[in-house]
Amino acid sequence: MNEILDYLKIHGECHDTRIAEATGIPLTKARLHLAELAAKGDVMSCLSIRFVDGKKTEGTSYRIAGFVVKSKPGAKSKRVNLKLS
């Protein structure tokens, strides 16, 4: 399960199929581990439906609970403060 947590820390929110593929864990086993992590409150889950080339695929997206991926280096957009009168 540490592999899954490490992957999510690096890549942020990911679909369960992508997590299984990237970590080399079979999808059914990855889903069991992810369900355990969600039950413990280590990860957040969200049911998702995606359409890829017109085909409907259902799955679950996961991210680490309370974890925000650090922004990448580079130019950031400037915020404009508007004062309302």
C-alpha atoms as a PDB file:
ATOM      1  CA  MET A   1       0.000   0.000   0.000  1.00  0.00           C
ATOM      2  CA  ASN A   2       2.982   2.280   0.473  1.00  0.00           C
ATOM      3  CA  GLU A   3       3.599   2.122  -3.285  1.00  0.00           C
ATOM      4  CA  ILE A   4       0.121   3.492  -3.892  1.00  0.00           C
ATOM      5  CA  LEU A   5       0.548   6.293  -1.354  1.00  0.00           C
ATOM      6  CA  ASP A   6       3.937   7.242  -2.804  1.00  0.00           C
ATOM      7  CA  TYR A   7       2.479   7.299  -6.325  1.00  0.00           C
ATOM      8  CA  LEU A   8      -0.400   9.533  -5.239  1.00  0.00           C
ATOM      9  CA  LYS A   9       1.984  11.905  -3.415  1.00  0.00           C
ATOM     10  CA  ILE A  10       3.942  12.399  -6.632  1.00  0.00           C
ATOM     11  CA  HIS A  11       1.131  12.451  -9.184  1.00  0.00           C
ATOM     12  CA  GLY A  12      -1.830  13.809  -7.226  1.00  0.00           C
ATOM     13  CA  GLU A  13      -5.337  12.650  -8.105  1.00  0.00           C
ATOM     14  CA  CYS A  14      -5.399   9.566 -10.325  1.00  0.00           C
ATOM     15  CA  HIS A  15      -7.857   7.009 -11.652  1.00  0.00           C
ATOM     16  CA  ASP A  16      -7.673   3.510 -10.159  1.00  0.00           C
ATOM     17  CA  THR A  17      -6.701   1.929 -13.481  1.00  0.00           C
ATOM     18  CA  ARG A  18      -3.763   4.327 -13.857  1.00  0.00           C
ATOM     19  CA  ILE A  19      -2.594   3.635 -10.298  1.00  0.00           C
ATOM     20  CA  ALA A  20      -2.695  -0.132 -10.870  1.00  0.00           C
ATOM     21  CA  GLU A  21      -0.849   0.163 -14.179  1.00  0.00           C
ATOM     22  CA  ALA A  22       1.850   2.477 -12.829  1.00  0.00           C
ATOM     23  CA  THR A  23       2.528   0.473  -9.672  1.00  0.00           C
ATOM     24  CA  GLY A  24       2.374  -2.916 -11.380  1.00  0.00           C
ATOM     25  CA  ILE A  25      -0.333  -4.175  -9.034  1.00  0.00           C
ATOM     26  CA  PRO A  26      -3.274  -6.102 -10.561  1.00  0.00           C
ATOM     27  CA  LEU A  27      -6.379  -3.890 -10.771  1.00  0.00           C
ATOM     28  CA  THR A  28      -8.494  -6.018  -8.412  1.00  0.00           C
ATOM     29  CA  LYS A  29      -5.753  -6.038  -5.772  1.00  0.00           C
ATOM     30  CA  ALA A  30      -5.146  -2.289  -6.212  1.00  0.00           C
ATOM     31  CA  ARG A  31      -8.854  -1.608  -5.713  1.00  0.00           C
ATOM     32  CA  LEU A  32      -8.812  -3.657  -2.490  1.00  0.00           C
ATOM     33  CA  HIS A  33      -5.796  -1.722  -1.179  1.00  0.00           C
ATOM     34  CA  LEU A  34      -7.387   1.592  -2.184  1.00  0.00           C
ATOM     35  CA  ALA A  35     -10.638   0.637  -0.421  1.00  0.00           C
ATOM     36  CA  GLU A  36      -8.669  -0.145   2.752  1.00  0.00           C
ATOM     37  CA  LEU A  37      -6.826   3.174   2.522  1.00  0.00           C
ATOM     38  CA  ALA A  38     -10.130   5.011   1.997  1.00  0.00           C
ATOM     39  CA  ALA A  39     -11.691   3.242   5.003  1.00  0.00           C
ATOM     40  CA  LYS A  40      -8.751   4.362   7.170  1.00  0.00           C
ATOM     41  CA  GLY A  41      -9.090   7.937   5.870  1.00  0.00           C
ATOM     42  CA  ASP A  42      -5.683   8.007   4.186  1.00  0.00           C
ATOM     43  CA  VAL A  43      -7.130   8.653   0.720  1.00  0.00           C
ATOM     44  CA  MET A  44     -10.253  10.316  -0.648  1.00  0.00           C
ATOM     45  CA  SER A  45     -12.241   8.631  -3.389  1.00  0.00           C
ATOM     46  CA  CYS A  46     -14.664   9.872  -6.012  1.00  0.00           C
ATOM     47  CA  LEU A  47     -16.679   7.769  -8.447  1.00  0.00           C
ATOM     48  CA  SER A  48     -16.042   8.893 -12.012  1.00  0.00           C
ATOM     49  CA  ILE A  49     -17.403   8.202 -15.469  1.00  0.00           C
ATOM     50  CA  ARG A  50     -15.192   9.032 -18.431  1.00  0.00           C
ATOM     51  CA  PHE A  51     -15.793   8.845 -22.133  1.00  0.00           C
ATOM     52  CA  VAL A  52     -12.750   7.841 -24.166  1.00  0.00           C
ATOM     53  CA  ASP A  53     -13.302   7.679 -27.930  1.00  0.00           C
ATOM     54  CA  GLY A  54     -17.046   7.461 -27.307  1.00  0.00           C
ATOM     55  CA  LYS A  55     -16.712   4.521 -24.896  1.00  0.00           C
ATOM     56  CA  LYS A  56     -18.020   4.894 -21.361  1.00  0.00           C
ATOM     57  CA  THR A  57     -15.560   3.814 -18.664  1.00  0.00           C
ATOM     58  CA  GLU A  58     -16.447   3.800 -14.994  1.00  0.00           C
ATOM     59  CA  GLY A  59     -13.966   3.819 -12.166  1.00  0.00           C
ATOM     60  CA  THR A  60     -12.839   5.694  -9.127  1.00  0.00           C
ATOM     61  CA  SER A  61     -10.410   8.586  -8.739  1.00  0.00           C
ATOM     62  CA  TYR A  62      -8.244   8.762  -5.639  1.00  0.00           C
ATOM     63  CA  ARG A  63      -6.086  11.358  -3.938  1.00  0.00           C
ATOM     64  CA  ILE A  64      -4.344  11.565  -0.602  1.00  0.00           C
ATOM     65  CA  ALA A  65      -6.606  13.077   2.046  1.00  0.00           C
ATOM     66  CA  GLY A  66      -5.511  16.540   3.116  1.00  0.00           C
ATOM     67  CA  PHE A  67      -2.534  16.607   0.745  1.00  0.00           C
ATOM     68  CA  VAL A  68      -1.973  19.356  -1.814  1.00  0.00           C
ATOM     69  CA  VAL A  69       0.509  18.740  -4.619  1.00  0.00           C
ATOM     70  CA  LYS A  70       3.196  21.424  -4.671  1.00  0.00           C
ATOM     71  CA  SER A  71       3.022  23.796  -7.610  1.00  0.00           C
ATOM     72  CA  LYS A  72       5.610  23.406 -10.313  1.00  0.00           C
ATOM     73  CA  PRO A  73       8.324  26.045 -10.766  1.00  0.00           C
ATOM     74  CA  GLY A  74       7.798  28.720 -13.352  1.00  0.00           C
ATOM     75  CA  ALA A  75       5.825  31.862 -13.968  1.00  0.00           C
ATOM     76  CA  LYS A  76       2.636  32.180 -11.976  1.00  0.00           C
ATOM     77  CA  SER A  77      -0.391  34.192 -12.942  1.00  0.00           C
ATOM     78  CA  LYS A  78      -0.706  37.480 -11.125  1.00  0.00           C
ATOM     79  CA  ARG A  79      -3.725  38.040  -8.941  1.00  0.00           C
ATOM     80  CA  VAL A  80      -5.629  41.237  -9.383  1.00  0.00           C
ATOM     81  CA  ASN A  81      -7.241  42.726  -6.311  1.00  0.00           C
ATOM     82  CA  LEU A  82     -10.449  44.489  -7.190  1.00  0.00           C
ATOM     83  CA  LYS A  83     -11.789  46.944  -4.672  1.00  0.00           C
ATOM     84  CA  LEU A  84     -15.531  47.277  -4.623  1.00  0.00           C
ATOM     85  CA  SER A  85     -16.831  50.691  -3.668  1.00  0.00           C
END
